[in-house]
Amino acid sequence: MKSEFVNSIDKINEVTWQSLANSSSPFINYQFFKSLENSQSVSSKTGWQPHHLLWSKSNNVDAILPMYIKQHSWGEYVFDWAWADAYQEHNEPYYPKLVATIPFTPISTPKLMGTYIELSQVFSVLTEHCLAQNINSWHILYTQKIQKQSLRLNNVFHRNTVQFHWFNHQYHDFSEFLSTFTARKRKNVKKERLSISQQNIKVRRILGKDITTEEISFFYLTYQLTYLKRGHSPHLTSDFFSNALKSLPNNILLVIASVDGCDVACAWFFFDEHQLYGRYWGCTQAYNNLHFELCYYQGIDFCIEHKLQVFNPGAQGEHKIQRGFEPVLTHSYHWIKHLGFRPAIQQFCLQEQQQMQLYLKHCQQFLPFKAETS
């Protein structure tokens, strides 16, 4: 096998990429990554220089690992700011680093696309490349769990985070889903949903192919406002959403709320054959429970109607628990070049794993479901 790194998705054949991806997920679709690059949402200027790994036998590309050279840690959701701060305190450079992830998207996928190769097989390739190119670390975020032996052999550290996902147990409608709740929790959700109509809010769901220019413009306005309220610039440009809408119309859902015929809030989702993914939310006016309705309850309704099995509404958010979203562990893997920092970072990862396991069990205690009877 021989490896090569390329700095643009345009240097990779789309047919080859799609054949190796072998999935309906929009987040490993060639057009999703192309939309990110063509819109300049990821580029050297934004600190996301594409640096995709190709593995080949003879003249055929047999595996692809989308990667980026990063000059910061924004948009990753597996936070290593404390590591960067420790390096700075010791006058050591933490960046650049090499990251395999879906930019701005904490969604677990296999990451490495290819049939005959395991993710752990590329560890040594990434390490050698970092050593040769003066890159200080590599990171593979939100991927499948890997055997501990492979991690030990390659000095790779394992991190966990907890997300909250909704699972479809063949529900026929939202009422059947709510019937699994305790009476108090069920009453609370009904009250939240009822408040939407009481505020004269109308909600509509639009599939990608039916989204108008006016609707996507309104969505981007609300998307920008969400970031500006926190003092940040949006990660994604308007061109990204326009490009994604053209290339992935069958993977996009937009939910819009309006009052007296005037649109006031949006939630943008991606979906595939099996899952719904909540991604972006914004509003021009605040209304009680509107975030819960657009970002969670409308998504659950959509999953039930379209028989989707899982709804991943995004990172963090303990408020999701009482609305029926269950805690799940995610997995990420990290290699650090600096020998002096390895012991401390390894200890950090081990302690974090223990904390995440305890946190997951703690969250499970607050799920709204009735106790199972034997």
Protein backbone atom coordinates (compact mmCIF):
# COMPACT_ATOMS: atom_id res chain seq x y z
CA MET A 1 0.00 0.00 0.00
CA LYS A 2 1.18 3.53 -0.71
CA SER A 3 -0.16 6.72 0.82
CA GLU A 4 -0.65 10.22 -0.57
CA PHE A 5 -2.06 13.42 0.87
CA VAL A 6 -3.94 15.85 -1.39
CA ASN A 7 -4.95 19.42 -0.59
CA SER A 8 -8.24 19.54 -2.50
CA ILE A 9 -11.19 17.25 -3.02
CA ASP A 10 -11.00 18.18 -6.71
CA LYS A 11 -7.93 15.91 -6.90
CA ILE A 12 -10.09 12.90 -5.95
CA ASN A 13 -12.41 11.21 -8.43
CA GLU A 14 -16.05 11.48 -7.32
CA VAL A 15 -16.96 7.99 -8.57
CA THR A 16 -14.03 6.51 -6.64
CA TRP A 17 -14.99 8.42 -3.48
CA GLN A 18 -18.64 7.36 -3.64
CA SER A 19 -17.80 3.72 -4.32
CA LEU A 20 -15.56 3.65 -1.23
CA ALA A 21 -18.08 5.54 0.92
CA ASN A 22 -20.75 2.93 0.20
CA SER A 23 -23.31 4.72 2.39
CA SER A 24 -26.39 6.90 2.13
CA SER A 25 -25.05 9.25 4.82
CA PRO A 26 -24.77 12.84 3.56
CA PHE A 27 -21.76 13.37 5.81
CA ILE A 28 -19.46 11.13 3.82
CA ASN A 29 -20.92 12.14 0.47
CA TYR A 30 -18.44 13.65 -1.98
CA GLN A 31 -20.77 16.58 -2.65
CA PHE A 32 -20.96 17.50 1.03
CA PHE A 33 -17.18 17.90 1.26
CA LYS A 34 -17.05 19.61 -2.13
CA SER A 35 -19.65 22.13 -0.93
CA LEU A 36 -17.49 22.86 2.12
CA GLU A 37 -14.40 23.48 0.01
CA ASN A 38 -16.00 25.31 -2.93
CA SER A 39 -17.79 27.68 -0.56
CA GLN A 40 -14.49 28.46 1.23
CA SER A 41 -16.05 27.36 4.51
CA VAL A 42 -12.99 25.15 4.87
CA SER A 43 -9.72 26.52 3.52
CA SER A 44 -6.29 27.60 4.65
CA LYS A 45 -7.76 31.05 5.41
CA THR A 46 -10.28 29.61 7.87
CA GLY A 47 -7.68 27.33 9.49
CA TRP A 48 -9.09 24.21 7.82
CA GLN A 49 -6.61 23.28 5.09
CA PRO A 50 -7.86 20.11 3.31
CA HIS A 51 -5.26 17.35 3.57
CA HIS A 52 -7.04 14.16 2.54
CA LEU A 53 -5.27 10.81 2.85
CA LEU A 54 -5.45 8.39 -0.10
CA TRP A 55 -4.30 4.78 0.24
CA SER A 56 -3.63 2.87 -2.96
CA LYS A 57 -2.74 -0.52 -4.36
CA SER A 58 -1.03 -0.15 -7.73
CA ASN A 59 -2.95 2.63 -9.51
CA ASN A 60 -6.25 2.18 -7.68
CA VAL A 61 -7.34 4.23 -4.67
CA ASP A 62 -8.55 1.72 -2.08
CA ALA A 63 -9.21 3.97 0.91
CA ILE A 64 -9.80 7.65 1.67
CA LEU A 65 -9.59 9.45 5.00
CA PRO A 66 -10.83 13.08 4.76
CA MET A 67 -8.49 15.22 6.87
CA TYR A 68 -7.51 18.81 7.59
CA ILE A 69 -4.45 20.65 8.82
CA LYS A 70 -5.76 22.85 11.62
CA GLN A 71 -4.32 26.04 13.09
CA HIS A 72 -6.93 26.19 15.88
CA SER A 73 -9.50 23.94 17.59
CA TRP A 74 -12.77 25.62 16.58
CA GLY A 75 -15.56 23.55 15.06
CA GLU A 76 -14.43 20.15 16.36
CA TYR A 77 -16.58 19.52 19.50
CA VAL A 78 -13.94 17.27 21.08
CA PHE A 79 -12.32 19.99 23.09
CA ASP A 80 -8.54 20.15 23.48
CA TRP A 81 -8.18 23.81 24.46
CA ALA A 82 -6.67 22.78 27.80
CA TRP A 83 -3.97 20.86 25.97
CA ALA A 84 -3.21 23.88 23.78
CA ASP A 85 -3.05 26.11 26.88
CA ALA A 86 -0.59 23.75 28.56
CA TYR A 87 1.66 23.85 25.50
CA GLN A 88 1.53 27.64 25.47
CA GLU A 89 2.47 27.83 29.16
CA HIS A 90 5.60 25.84 28.33
CA ASN A 91 6.37 27.86 25.17
CA GLU A 92 5.72 24.86 22.94
CA PRO A 93 3.66 25.00 19.73
CA TYR A 94 0.45 22.95 19.83
CA TYR A 95 -0.50 23.72 16.22
CA PRO A 96 -0.52 22.73 13.42
CA LYS A 97 -2.40 19.50 13.99
CA LEU A 98 -3.90 16.98 11.59
CA VAL A 99 -7.60 16.21 12.14
CA ALA A 100 -9.90 13.62 10.57
CA THR A 101 -13.43 14.86 11.12
CA ILE A 102 -16.49 16.26 9.39
CA PRO A 103 -15.96 20.00 9.78
CA PHE A 104 -18.36 21.63 12.25
CA THR A 105 -20.30 18.36 12.47
CA PRO A 106 -20.06 16.11 15.56
CA ILE A 107 -21.55 13.07 13.82
CA SER A 108 -20.06 9.60 14.31
CA THR A 109 -19.12 7.90 11.04
CA PRO A 110 -16.45 5.30 10.12
CA LYS A 111 -14.33 8.23 8.76
CA LEU A 112 -12.04 5.89 6.80
CA MET A 113 -13.74 4.97 3.54
CA GLY A 114 -12.70 1.62 2.10
CA THR A 115 -13.62 -2.03 2.28
CA TYR A 116 -10.39 -3.91 2.96
CA ILE A 117 -8.71 -1.68 5.51
CA GLU A 118 -9.20 -1.02 9.23
CA LEU A 119 -8.86 2.46 10.71
CA SER A 120 -6.06 1.32 13.02
CA GLN A 121 -3.97 0.41 9.97
CA VAL A 122 -3.51 4.07 9.07
CA PHE A 123 -2.21 5.08 12.51
CA SER A 124 1.41 4.52 11.58
CA VAL A 125 0.97 6.36 8.27
CA LEU A 126 -0.44 9.41 10.07
CA THR A 127 2.32 9.34 12.68
CA GLU A 128 5.09 9.10 10.08
CA HIS A 129 3.52 11.93 8.10
CA CYS A 130 3.32 14.19 11.14
CA LEU A 131 6.94 13.51 12.02
CA ALA A 132 8.07 14.24 8.47
CA GLN A 133 5.95 17.40 8.02
CA ASN A 134 6.44 18.99 11.46
CA ILE A 135 2.80 18.48 12.44
CA ASN A 136 2.44 18.20 16.21
CA SER A 137 -0.43 15.73 16.57
CA TRP A 138 -3.17 13.87 14.75
CA HIS A 139 -6.77 13.32 15.81
CA ILE A 140 -9.60 11.14 14.48
CA LEU A 141 -12.90 12.43 15.87
CA TYR A 142 -16.31 10.79 16.19
CA THR A 143 -15.64 7.36 14.77
CA GLN A 144 -16.11 3.70 15.65
CA LYS A 145 -14.57 2.07 18.73
CA ILE A 146 -11.11 0.56 18.21
CA GLN A 147 -9.45 -2.31 20.09
CA LYS A 148 -7.20 -1.26 22.96
CA GLN A 149 -4.28 -3.33 21.70
CA SER A 150 -4.04 -1.26 18.50
CA LEU A 151 -4.06 1.91 20.59
CA ARG A 152 -1.26 0.75 22.91
CA LEU A 153 0.95 -0.36 20.03
CA ASN A 154 0.67 3.05 18.35
CA ASN A 155 0.73 5.34 21.43
CA VAL A 156 -2.81 6.46 20.62
CA PHE A 157 -5.13 7.83 23.30
CA HIS A 158 -8.88 7.23 23.42
CA ARG A 159 -11.43 9.92 24.38
CA ASN A 160 -15.17 9.70 24.99
CA THR A 161 -17.92 12.30 24.95
CA VAL A 162 -21.62 11.83 25.62
CA GLN A 163 -24.34 12.77 23.14
CA PHE A 164 -28.12 12.34 23.35
CA HIS A 165 -29.91 10.41 20.59
CA TRP A 166 -33.54 9.48 20.02
CA PHE A 167 -34.35 5.90 19.00
CA ASN A 168 -37.42 4.85 17.06
CA HIS A 169 -38.97 1.70 18.56
CA GLN A 170 -41.39 1.31 15.63
CA TYR A 171 -43.68 4.05 16.91
CA HIS A 172 -46.79 4.68 14.84
CA ASP A 173 -47.11 8.30 15.94
CA PHE A 174 -45.90 10.84 18.50
CA SER A 175 -48.66 9.88 20.93
CA GLU A 176 -47.42 6.29 21.04
CA PHE A 177 -43.90 7.55 21.74
CA LEU A 178 -45.24 9.74 24.58
CA SER A 179 -47.12 6.77 26.02
CA THR A 180 -43.75 5.34 27.08
CA PHE A 181 -43.21 8.37 29.40
CA THR A 182 -44.17 8.67 33.03
CA ALA A 183 -47.33 10.73 33.55
CA ARG A 184 -45.49 13.83 34.78
CA LYS A 185 -42.96 13.89 31.94
CA ARG A 186 -45.67 13.17 29.38
CA LYS A 187 -47.75 16.09 30.68
CA ASN A 188 -44.75 18.42 30.40
CA VAL A 189 -44.12 17.57 26.72
CA LYS A 190 -47.81 17.95 25.85
CA LYS A 191 -47.81 21.34 27.56
CA GLU A 192 -44.77 22.45 25.58
CA ARG A 193 -46.29 21.39 22.26
CA LEU A 194 -49.65 22.96 23.10
CA SER A 195 -47.96 26.28 23.85
CA ILE A 196 -46.93 26.54 20.18
CA SER A 197 -50.50 26.77 18.91
CA GLN A 198 -51.45 28.98 21.86
CA GLN A 199 -48.85 31.48 20.67
CA ASN A 200 -50.39 31.37 17.18
CA ILE A 201 -47.25 29.76 15.75
CA LYS A 202 -47.57 27.75 12.56
CA VAL A 203 -44.90 25.21 11.61
CA ARG A 204 -44.11 23.83 8.16
CA ARG A 205 -41.60 21.21 7.03
CA ILE A 206 -39.98 21.58 3.60
CA LEU A 207 -37.80 18.98 1.86
CA GLY A 208 -34.65 20.17 0.13
CA LYS A 209 -36.03 20.03 -3.40
CA ASP A 210 -38.93 22.33 -2.42
CA ILE A 211 -36.99 24.99 -0.48
CA THR A 212 -37.33 28.39 -2.13
CA THR A 213 -34.69 31.10 -2.50
CA GLU A 214 -36.57 33.23 0.02
CA GLU A 215 -36.68 30.39 2.55
CA ILE A 216 -32.97 29.63 2.34
CA SER A 217 -32.19 33.35 2.65
CA PHE A 218 -34.32 33.54 5.79
CA PHE A 219 -32.65 30.43 7.17
CA TYR A 220 -29.17 31.91 6.66
CA LEU A 221 -30.23 35.11 8.41
CA THR A 222 -31.30 33.12 11.49
CA TYR A 223 -28.16 30.96 11.27
CA GLN A 224 -25.99 34.08 11.36
CA LEU A 225 -27.93 35.53 14.28
CA THR A 226 -27.31 32.40 16.36
CA TYR A 227 -23.54 32.92 16.09
CA LEU A 228 -23.61 36.71 16.42
CA LYS A 229 -25.52 36.42 19.72
CA ARG A 230 -22.51 34.49 21.06
CA GLY A 231 -20.00 36.94 19.62
CA HIS A 232 -18.77 34.61 16.87
CA SER A 233 -18.81 34.64 13.09
CA PRO A 234 -20.68 31.80 11.34
CA HIS A 235 -18.55 28.81 10.39
CA LEU A 236 -20.39 28.17 7.14
CA THR A 237 -20.92 30.59 4.28
CA SER A 238 -24.24 31.07 2.50
CA ASP A 239 -22.67 29.43 -0.57
CA PHE A 240 -22.25 26.20 1.40
CA PHE A 241 -25.98 25.92 2.02
CA SER A 242 -26.83 26.88 -1.57
CA ASN A 243 -24.37 24.29 -2.91
CA ALA A 244 -25.61 21.60 -0.52
CA LEU A 245 -29.20 22.32 -1.50
CA LYS A 246 -28.37 21.81 -5.17
CA SER A 247 -26.22 18.70 -4.75
CA LEU A 248 -28.02 16.97 -1.83
CA PRO A 249 -31.71 17.94 -2.18
CA ASN A 250 -32.89 14.52 -1.04
CA ASN A 251 -30.94 14.74 2.22
CA ILE A 252 -32.16 18.09 3.55
CA LEU A 253 -35.15 19.08 5.68
CA LEU A 254 -35.96 22.66 6.69
CA VAL A 255 -38.50 23.38 9.43
CA ILE A 256 -39.83 26.94 9.59
CA ALA A 257 -42.04 28.60 12.19
CA SER A 258 -44.21 31.62 11.36
CA VAL A 259 -46.54 33.97 13.22
CA ASP A 260 -49.31 35.78 11.32
CA GLY A 261 -47.68 34.78 8.04
CA CYS A 262 -44.24 36.11 9.03
CA ASP A 263 -41.37 33.61 9.42
CA VAL A 264 -39.68 33.84 12.82
CA ALA A 265 -37.46 30.75 13.24
CA CYS A 266 -35.77 27.88 11.35
CA ALA A 267 -34.19 24.49 12.00
CA TRP A 268 -32.05 22.79 9.35
CA PHE A 269 -31.66 18.99 9.28
CA PHE A 270 -29.86 16.44 7.14
CA PHE A 271 -31.17 12.89 6.82
CA ASP A 272 -30.47 9.60 5.08
CA GLU A 273 -32.16 6.20 4.85
CA HIS A 274 -31.73 5.49 8.56
CA GLN A 275 -31.07 8.67 10.53
CA LEU A 276 -32.07 12.30 10.99
CA TYR A 277 -29.41 14.81 12.01
CA GLY A 278 -30.32 18.12 13.63
CA ARG A 279 -27.73 20.69 12.66
CA TYR A 280 -28.59 24.43 12.75
CA TRP A 281 -31.17 26.61 14.47
CA GLY A 282 -31.92 30.30 14.62
CA CYS A 283 -34.72 32.77 15.28
CA THR A 284 -35.52 36.44 14.77
CA GLN A 285 -37.88 36.53 17.76
CA ALA A 286 -38.00 34.44 20.94
CA TYR A 287 -41.07 32.33 21.77
CA ASN A 288 -41.67 29.90 24.62
CA ASN A 289 -40.68 26.31 23.77
CA LEU A 290 -40.14 27.10 20.08
CA HIS A 291 -36.61 25.67 20.12
CA PHE A 292 -37.89 22.40 21.55
CA GLU A 293 -40.66 22.20 18.95
CA LEU A 294 -38.54 22.93 15.89
CA CYS A 295 -35.33 21.16 16.87
CA TYR A 296 -36.69 18.10 18.71
CA TYR A 297 -40.41 17.38 18.43
CA GLN A 298 -40.68 18.13 14.71
CA GLY A 299 -37.64 15.90 14.16
CA ILE A 300 -39.20 13.05 16.11
CA ASP A 301 -42.43 13.44 14.11
CA PHE A 302 -40.42 13.30 10.88
CA CYS A 303 -38.55 10.15 11.98
CA ILE A 304 -41.77 8.37 12.88
CA GLU A 305 -43.47 9.36 9.62
CA HIS A 306 -40.49 8.30 7.49
CA LYS A 307 -39.52 5.26 9.61
CA LEU A 308 -36.04 6.59 10.40
CA GLN A 309 -34.38 4.67 13.23
CA VAL A 310 -32.21 7.28 14.94
CA PHE A 311 -32.37 11.04 15.48
CA ASN A 312 -29.05 12.72 16.37
CA PRO A 313 -29.89 16.32 17.31
CA GLY A 314 -26.29 17.48 17.79
CA ALA A 315 -23.74 17.77 20.58
CA GLN A 316 -24.39 18.37 24.28
CA GLY A 317 -27.67 19.45 25.86
CA GLU A 318 -28.89 17.71 29.02
CA HIS A 319 -32.33 19.25 28.44
CA LYS A 320 -32.78 16.61 25.72
CA ILE A 321 -32.94 13.81 28.30
CA GLN A 322 -36.40 14.61 29.67
CA ARG A 323 -37.67 14.77 26.09
CA GLY A 324 -36.70 11.18 25.34
CA PHE A 325 -33.14 11.46 24.02
CA GLU A 326 -30.86 8.77 25.44
CA PRO A 327 -27.17 9.20 26.36
CA VAL A 328 -24.63 7.44 24.11
CA LEU A 329 -20.84 7.39 24.13
CA THR A 330 -18.79 8.70 21.22
CA HIS A 331 -15.19 7.75 20.43
CA SER A 332 -12.19 9.78 19.29
CA TYR A 333 -8.48 8.93 18.96
CA HIS A 334 -5.40 11.09 19.45
CA TRP A 335 -1.64 10.87 18.89
CA ILE A 336 0.72 13.46 20.42
CA LYS A 337 4.24 13.99 19.08
CA HIS A 338 5.71 15.75 22.12
CA LEU A 339 7.05 13.00 24.41
CA GLY A 340 7.01 15.26 27.46
CA PHE A 341 3.26 15.90 27.23
CA ARG A 342 2.20 12.32 26.53
CA PRO A 343 1.98 11.04 30.15
CA ALA A 344 -0.19 13.97 31.29
CA ILE A 345 -2.48 13.76 28.25
CA GLN A 346 -2.79 9.99 28.61
CA GLN A 347 -3.79 10.41 32.26
CA PHE A 348 -6.26 13.13 31.27
CA CYS A 349 -7.89 10.78 28.73
CA LEU A 350 -8.14 7.90 31.20
CA GLN A 351 -9.75 10.10 33.85
CA GLU A 352 -12.10 11.61 31.28
CA GLN A 353 -13.21 8.16 30.12
CA GLN A 354 -14.09 7.20 33.69
CA GLN A 355 -15.98 10.47 34.14
CA MET A 356 -17.90 9.99 30.90
CA GLN A 357 -18.91 6.46 31.89
CA LEU A 358 -20.22 7.75 35.22
CA TYR A 359 -21.92 10.70 33.54
CA LEU A 360 -23.69 8.41 31.06
CA LYS A 361 -25.05 6.27 33.91
CA HIS A 362 -26.07 9.39 35.79
CA CYS A 363 -27.98 10.72 32.75
CA GLN A 364 -29.78 7.41 32.32
CA GLN A 365 -31.38 7.91 35.73
CA PHE A 366 -33.26 10.99 34.46
CA LEU A 367 -34.79 9.49 31.32
CA PRO A 368 -38.56 10.08 31.20
CA PHE A 369 -39.56 6.52 30.39
CA LYS A 370 -41.72 4.32 32.59
CA ALA A 371 -39.88 1.65 34.56
CA GLU A 372 -39.77 -1.66 32.72
CA THR A 373 -41.82 -4.42 34.29
CA SER A 374 -40.77 -8.04 34.10
